[in-house]
N, C-alpha and C. Protein backbone atom coordinates (compact mmCIF):
# COMPACT_ATOMS: atom_id res chain seq x y z
N UNK A 1 146.66 272.92 169.04
CA UNK A 1 147.49 273.87 168.34
C UNK A 1 147.24 273.85 166.84
N UNK A 2 147.13 272.67 166.26
CA UNK A 2 146.99 272.60 164.81
C UNK A 2 145.66 273.19 164.34
N UNK A 3 144.67 273.21 165.22
CA UNK A 3 143.39 273.83 164.87
C UNK A 3 143.54 275.30 164.55
N UNK A 4 144.43 275.99 165.25
CA UNK A 4 144.69 277.40 164.96
C UNK A 4 145.24 277.57 163.55
N UNK A 5 146.12 276.66 163.16
CA UNK A 5 146.73 276.70 161.83
C UNK A 5 145.65 276.50 160.76
N UNK A 6 144.82 275.49 160.95
CA UNK A 6 143.78 275.18 159.97
C UNK A 6 142.80 276.34 159.83
N UNK A 7 142.31 276.84 160.96
CA UNK A 7 141.35 277.95 160.93
C UNK A 7 141.97 279.18 160.27
N UNK A 8 143.22 279.49 160.60
CA UNK A 8 143.89 280.64 160.01
C UNK A 8 144.03 280.50 158.50
N UNK A 9 144.43 279.32 158.04
CA UNK A 9 144.58 279.09 156.60
C UNK A 9 143.23 279.20 155.87
N UNK A 10 142.19 278.64 156.45
CA UNK A 10 140.87 278.72 155.83
C UNK A 10 140.37 280.16 155.76
N UNK A 11 140.75 280.98 156.73
CA UNK A 11 140.33 282.38 156.73
C UNK A 11 141.17 283.24 155.80
N UNK A 12 142.46 282.91 155.66
CA UNK A 12 143.36 283.79 154.89
C UNK A 12 143.55 283.36 153.44
N UNK A 13 143.34 282.11 153.12
CA UNK A 13 143.53 281.64 151.75
C UNK A 13 142.31 282.03 150.90
N UNK A 14 142.56 282.71 149.80
CA UNK A 14 141.46 283.23 148.97
C UNK A 14 140.55 282.13 148.44
N UNK A 15 141.12 281.02 148.01
CA UNK A 15 140.29 279.93 147.47
C UNK A 15 139.43 279.30 148.57
N UNK A 16 140.07 278.95 149.70
CA UNK A 16 139.32 278.29 150.77
C UNK A 16 138.29 279.23 151.39
N UNK A 17 138.64 280.48 151.60
CA UNK A 17 137.67 281.42 152.16
C UNK A 17 136.54 281.68 151.17
N UNK A 18 136.86 281.69 149.88
CA UNK A 18 135.83 281.88 148.87
C UNK A 18 134.81 280.74 148.85
N UNK A 19 135.26 279.54 149.12
CA UNK A 19 134.36 278.38 149.13
C UNK A 19 133.61 278.28 150.46
N UNK A 20 134.32 278.41 151.57
CA UNK A 20 133.75 278.10 152.88
C UNK A 20 133.31 279.31 153.70
N UNK A 21 133.74 280.49 153.34
CA UNK A 21 133.38 281.71 154.09
C UNK A 21 133.58 281.55 155.59
N UNK A 22 134.69 280.93 155.97
CA UNK A 22 135.01 280.77 157.39
C UNK A 22 134.33 279.62 158.09
N UNK A 23 133.54 278.82 157.39
CA UNK A 23 132.82 277.71 158.03
C UNK A 23 133.72 276.48 158.10
N UNK A 24 134.61 276.49 159.09
CA UNK A 24 135.48 275.35 159.37
C UNK A 24 135.40 275.12 160.87
N UNK A 25 135.14 273.86 161.25
CA UNK A 25 134.82 273.53 162.64
C UNK A 25 135.66 272.37 163.14
N UNK A 26 135.99 272.38 164.45
CA UNK A 26 136.66 271.21 165.03
C UNK A 26 135.63 270.13 165.35
N UNK A 27 135.90 268.91 164.94
CA UNK A 27 135.15 267.68 165.29
C UNK A 27 133.74 267.58 164.73
N UNK A 28 132.95 268.64 164.78
CA UNK A 28 131.55 268.56 164.41
C UNK A 28 131.10 269.92 163.90
N UNK A 29 130.36 269.93 162.80
CA UNK A 29 129.88 271.20 162.27
C UNK A 29 128.86 271.82 163.22
N UNK A 30 128.76 273.12 163.18
CA UNK A 30 127.77 273.82 164.01
C UNK A 30 126.37 273.37 163.61
N UNK A 31 125.51 273.27 164.59
CA UNK A 31 124.13 272.85 164.30
C UNK A 31 123.50 273.80 163.30
N UNK A 32 122.93 273.25 162.26
CA UNK A 32 122.28 274.05 161.23
C UNK A 32 123.23 274.66 160.22
N UNK A 33 124.51 274.29 160.27
CA UNK A 33 125.48 274.84 159.31
C UNK A 33 125.07 274.45 157.90
N UNK A 34 125.11 275.41 157.01
CA UNK A 34 124.77 275.13 155.62
C UNK A 34 126.05 274.78 154.85
N UNK A 35 125.92 273.87 153.91
CA UNK A 35 127.06 273.47 153.09
C UNK A 35 127.34 274.57 152.08
N UNK A 36 128.58 274.75 151.72
CA UNK A 36 129.75 273.95 152.06
C UNK A 36 130.34 274.36 153.41
N UNK A 37 130.93 273.37 154.06
CA UNK A 37 131.67 273.60 155.30
C UNK A 37 132.74 272.52 155.42
N UNK A 38 133.64 272.73 156.37
CA UNK A 38 134.72 271.77 156.62
C UNK A 38 134.79 271.46 158.10
N UNK A 39 135.17 270.22 158.40
CA UNK A 39 135.34 269.77 159.76
C UNK A 39 136.71 269.10 159.85
N UNK A 40 137.45 269.39 160.92
CA UNK A 40 138.76 268.76 161.09
C UNK A 40 138.84 268.09 162.45
N UNK A 41 139.64 267.04 162.50
CA UNK A 41 139.90 266.36 163.76
C UNK A 41 141.32 265.81 163.77
N UNK A 42 141.95 265.89 164.92
CA UNK A 42 143.26 265.30 165.11
C UNK A 42 143.03 263.85 165.50
N UNK A 43 143.67 262.92 164.78
CA UNK A 43 143.48 261.52 165.13
C UNK A 43 144.75 260.82 165.60
N UNK A 44 145.88 261.53 165.54
CA UNK A 44 147.10 260.93 166.08
C UNK A 44 148.14 262.02 166.29
N UNK A 45 148.87 261.91 167.38
CA UNK A 45 150.01 262.77 167.66
C UNK A 45 151.19 261.87 167.99
N UNK A 46 152.25 261.99 167.21
CA UNK A 46 153.47 261.22 167.44
C UNK A 46 154.57 262.16 167.90
N UNK A 47 154.85 262.19 169.20
CA UNK A 47 155.92 263.06 169.70
C UNK A 47 157.28 262.46 169.39
N UNK A 48 158.26 263.32 169.23
CA UNK A 48 159.64 262.89 168.99
C UNK A 48 160.45 263.11 170.26
N UNK A 49 160.19 262.31 171.26
CA UNK A 49 160.88 262.45 172.54
C UNK A 49 162.28 261.84 172.46
N UNK A 50 163.14 262.35 173.31
CA UNK A 50 164.47 261.77 173.46
C UNK A 50 164.62 261.31 174.90
N UNK A 51 165.71 260.64 175.18
CA UNK A 51 165.96 260.15 176.53
C UNK A 51 166.10 261.31 177.53
N UNK A 52 166.61 262.43 177.04
CA UNK A 52 166.92 263.55 177.92
C UNK A 52 165.88 264.66 177.96
N UNK A 53 164.90 264.63 177.05
CA UNK A 53 163.97 265.77 176.99
C UNK A 53 162.63 265.34 176.42
N UNK A 54 161.64 266.16 176.72
CA UNK A 54 160.33 265.97 176.12
C UNK A 54 160.41 266.27 174.64
N UNK A 55 159.36 265.95 173.94
CA UNK A 55 159.30 266.18 172.51
C UNK A 55 159.33 267.67 172.19
N UNK A 56 160.16 268.02 171.23
CA UNK A 56 160.17 269.38 170.71
C UNK A 56 159.62 269.41 169.30
N UNK A 57 159.23 268.23 168.81
CA UNK A 57 158.66 268.12 167.48
C UNK A 57 157.56 267.05 167.51
N UNK A 58 156.36 267.44 167.15
CA UNK A 58 155.24 266.50 167.11
C UNK A 58 154.78 266.34 165.67
N UNK A 59 154.52 265.10 165.28
CA UNK A 59 153.84 264.84 164.01
C UNK A 59 152.37 264.66 164.34
N UNK A 60 151.55 265.57 163.82
CA UNK A 60 150.13 265.61 164.14
C UNK A 60 149.34 265.23 162.89
N UNK A 61 148.61 264.13 162.97
CA UNK A 61 147.79 263.65 161.85
C UNK A 61 146.38 264.20 161.99
N UNK A 62 145.91 264.81 160.92
CA UNK A 62 144.61 265.48 160.91
C UNK A 62 143.78 264.96 159.76
N UNK A 63 142.50 264.71 160.03
CA UNK A 63 141.55 264.37 158.98
C UNK A 63 140.65 265.58 158.78
N UNK A 64 140.64 266.08 157.56
CA UNK A 64 139.85 267.24 157.19
C UNK A 64 138.74 266.76 156.25
N UNK A 65 137.49 266.99 156.63
CA UNK A 65 136.35 266.56 155.82
C UNK A 65 135.67 267.79 155.26
N UNK A 66 135.59 267.87 153.94
CA UNK A 66 134.86 268.96 153.29
C UNK A 66 133.52 268.42 152.84
N UNK A 67 132.48 269.22 153.03
CA UNK A 67 131.10 268.81 152.73
C UNK A 67 130.47 269.86 151.83
N UNK A 68 129.78 269.41 150.79
CA UNK A 68 129.11 270.33 149.86
C UNK A 68 127.90 269.64 149.24
N UNK A 69 127.08 270.41 148.59
CA UNK A 69 125.90 269.86 147.94
C UNK A 69 126.21 269.36 146.53
N UNK A 70 127.39 269.70 146.00
CA UNK A 70 127.79 269.19 144.69
C UNK A 70 129.21 268.63 144.78
N UNK A 71 129.46 267.63 143.97
CA UNK A 71 130.77 266.99 143.96
C UNK A 71 131.84 267.95 143.44
N UNK A 72 131.49 268.80 142.50
CA UNK A 72 132.47 269.73 141.93
C UNK A 72 132.98 270.72 142.97
N UNK A 73 132.13 271.16 143.88
CA UNK A 73 132.58 272.06 144.94
C UNK A 73 133.57 271.32 145.86
N UNK A 74 133.29 270.05 146.15
CA UNK A 74 134.23 269.26 146.95
C UNK A 74 135.59 269.18 146.26
N UNK A 75 135.59 268.95 144.97
CA UNK A 75 136.84 268.84 144.23
C UNK A 75 137.60 270.16 144.22
N UNK A 76 136.88 271.28 144.07
CA UNK A 76 137.52 272.59 144.14
C UNK A 76 138.13 272.81 145.53
N UNK A 77 137.40 272.39 146.55
CA UNK A 77 137.88 272.54 147.93
C UNK A 77 139.14 271.72 148.16
N UNK A 78 139.16 270.49 147.66
CA UNK A 78 140.34 269.64 147.81
C UNK A 78 141.54 270.27 147.13
N UNK A 79 141.35 270.81 145.96
CA UNK A 79 142.45 271.50 145.27
C UNK A 79 142.94 272.68 146.09
N UNK A 80 142.02 273.41 146.72
CA UNK A 80 142.39 274.52 147.59
C UNK A 80 143.19 274.05 148.78
N UNK A 81 142.75 272.95 149.40
CA UNK A 81 143.47 272.39 150.55
C UNK A 81 144.86 271.93 150.12
N UNK A 82 144.95 271.27 148.98
CA UNK A 82 146.24 270.76 148.51
C UNK A 82 147.18 271.88 148.09
N UNK A 83 146.64 273.04 147.76
CA UNK A 83 147.49 274.19 147.45
C UNK A 83 147.92 274.93 148.71
N UNK A 84 147.03 275.01 149.71
CA UNK A 84 147.29 275.82 150.90
C UNK A 84 148.15 275.13 151.94
N UNK A 85 148.01 273.81 152.11
CA UNK A 85 148.65 273.15 153.25
C UNK A 85 149.96 272.41 152.94
N UNK A 86 149.99 271.47 152.02
CA UNK A 86 151.24 270.72 151.82
C UNK A 86 152.42 271.63 151.49
N UNK A 87 153.53 271.31 152.09
CA UNK A 87 154.80 272.02 151.92
C UNK A 87 154.83 273.39 152.62
N UNK A 88 153.79 273.70 153.40
CA UNK A 88 153.81 274.98 154.12
C UNK A 88 154.81 274.89 155.25
N UNK A 89 155.34 276.04 155.64
CA UNK A 89 156.22 276.11 156.82
C UNK A 89 156.18 277.54 157.33
N UNK A 90 156.58 277.69 158.57
CA UNK A 90 156.61 279.01 159.18
C UNK A 90 155.66 279.07 160.36
N UNK A 91 155.57 280.25 160.94
CA UNK A 91 154.70 280.44 162.08
C UNK A 91 153.33 280.91 161.58
N UNK A 92 152.31 280.14 161.91
CA UNK A 92 150.94 280.44 161.50
C UNK A 92 150.10 280.50 162.77
N UNK A 93 149.47 281.63 163.01
CA UNK A 93 148.62 281.82 164.19
C UNK A 93 149.37 281.46 165.49
N UNK A 94 150.65 281.79 165.53
CA UNK A 94 151.45 281.53 166.72
C UNK A 94 151.97 280.11 166.85
N UNK A 95 151.72 279.27 165.86
CA UNK A 95 152.16 277.87 165.88
C UNK A 95 153.29 277.70 164.87
N UNK A 96 154.41 277.13 165.31
CA UNK A 96 155.57 276.93 164.46
C UNK A 96 155.40 275.63 163.68
N UNK A 97 155.08 275.75 162.38
CA UNK A 97 154.86 274.59 161.51
C UNK A 97 156.14 274.36 160.71
N UNK A 98 156.76 273.20 160.93
CA UNK A 98 157.95 272.87 160.17
C UNK A 98 157.58 272.44 158.75
N UNK A 99 156.51 271.64 158.65
CA UNK A 99 156.05 271.19 157.34
C UNK A 99 154.66 270.59 157.45
N UNK A 100 154.06 270.36 156.31
CA UNK A 100 152.77 269.68 156.23
C UNK A 100 152.80 268.78 155.00
N UNK A 101 152.30 267.58 155.13
CA UNK A 101 152.29 266.62 154.02
C UNK A 101 150.87 266.13 153.77
N UNK A 102 150.55 265.93 152.52
CA UNK A 102 149.30 265.31 152.10
C UNK A 102 149.49 263.81 152.17
N UNK A 103 148.57 263.11 152.86
CA UNK A 103 148.72 261.67 153.06
C UNK A 103 147.72 260.82 152.29
N UNK A 104 146.46 261.24 152.26
CA UNK A 104 145.43 260.38 151.68
C UNK A 104 144.19 261.20 151.36
N UNK A 105 143.31 260.58 150.59
CA UNK A 105 142.09 261.24 150.14
C UNK A 105 141.04 260.17 149.88
N UNK A 106 139.79 260.41 150.30
CA UNK A 106 138.70 259.49 149.98
C UNK A 106 137.39 260.24 149.87
N UNK A 107 136.58 259.81 148.91
CA UNK A 107 135.26 260.40 148.69
C UNK A 107 134.24 259.75 149.62
N UNK A 108 133.27 260.54 150.05
CA UNK A 108 132.17 260.02 150.85
C UNK A 108 130.87 260.65 150.34
N UNK A 109 129.76 260.04 150.68
CA UNK A 109 128.46 260.57 150.29
C UNK A 109 127.45 260.19 151.37
N UNK A 110 126.58 261.13 151.71
CA UNK A 110 125.53 260.87 152.69
C UNK A 110 124.19 260.80 151.98
N UNK A 111 123.62 259.61 151.92
CA UNK A 111 122.30 259.44 151.29
C UNK A 111 121.22 260.23 152.02
N UNK A 112 121.26 260.19 153.34
CA UNK A 112 120.19 260.83 154.12
C UNK A 112 120.23 262.35 153.99
N UNK A 113 121.42 262.94 153.91
CA UNK A 113 121.54 264.40 153.80
C UNK A 113 121.71 264.87 152.37
N UNK A 114 122.02 263.95 151.47
CA UNK A 114 122.31 264.26 150.07
C UNK A 114 123.47 265.24 149.96
N UNK A 115 124.53 264.97 150.74
CA UNK A 115 125.74 265.77 150.70
C UNK A 115 126.88 264.93 150.17
N UNK A 116 127.74 265.59 149.41
CA UNK A 116 128.99 264.98 148.98
C UNK A 116 130.07 265.39 149.97
N UNK A 117 131.08 264.58 150.08
CA UNK A 117 132.19 264.91 150.96
C UNK A 117 133.48 264.30 150.49
N UNK A 118 134.56 264.89 150.94
CA UNK A 118 135.88 264.35 150.69
C UNK A 118 136.66 264.48 151.98
N UNK A 119 137.31 263.38 152.36
CA UNK A 119 138.17 263.40 153.54
C UNK A 119 139.62 263.45 153.06
N UNK A 120 140.36 264.38 153.62
CA UNK A 120 141.77 264.56 153.28
C UNK A 120 142.57 264.37 154.56
N UNK A 121 143.58 263.51 154.51
CA UNK A 121 144.46 263.29 155.65
C UNK A 121 145.75 264.08 155.43
N UNK A 122 146.12 264.86 156.43
CA UNK A 122 147.33 265.67 156.40
C UNK A 122 148.17 265.36 157.63
N UNK A 123 149.47 265.46 157.51
CA UNK A 123 150.35 265.34 158.66
C UNK A 123 151.17 266.62 158.79
N UNK A 124 151.01 267.25 159.95
CA UNK A 124 151.74 268.47 160.27
C UNK A 124 152.91 268.12 161.18
N UNK A 125 154.06 268.72 160.94
CA UNK A 125 155.19 268.63 161.86
C UNK A 125 155.23 269.97 162.61
N UNK A 126 154.89 269.89 163.90
CA UNK A 126 154.78 271.09 164.73
C UNK A 126 155.99 271.16 165.67
N UNK A 127 156.69 272.28 165.62
CA UNK A 127 157.83 272.50 166.51
C UNK A 127 157.30 273.11 167.80
N UNK A 128 157.56 272.42 168.89
CA UNK A 128 157.14 272.91 170.21
C UNK A 128 158.31 273.63 170.85
N UNK A 129 158.08 274.81 171.31
CA UNK A 129 159.15 275.63 171.91
C UNK A 129 159.38 275.25 173.34
């Protein structure tokens, strides 16, 4: 579900679409994808179950990795992500998002590919109907 939210935001946000032109992928970039691009993965789901019912609220932890040929593009992308996602709420691409929080950030670099990257951890609170 959260993948729909991420893809929708990357397509509709002027800054993110301007940088990535829709190149955002789940788990692994498309073969031959040219930088810049973004990859996201869900690494934890914490349901809020009760004794009487299944979870109606999930906390979904997502790692978003932005990749570019220059560090400055990565930094612009991170600023775009931090503007578009944290504190968002509402229905996005049919998914009811109660909130989104910025959790962590770390720089990465690939010597073999000569790409810069930044990993951003976000936590979405998704209301399940």
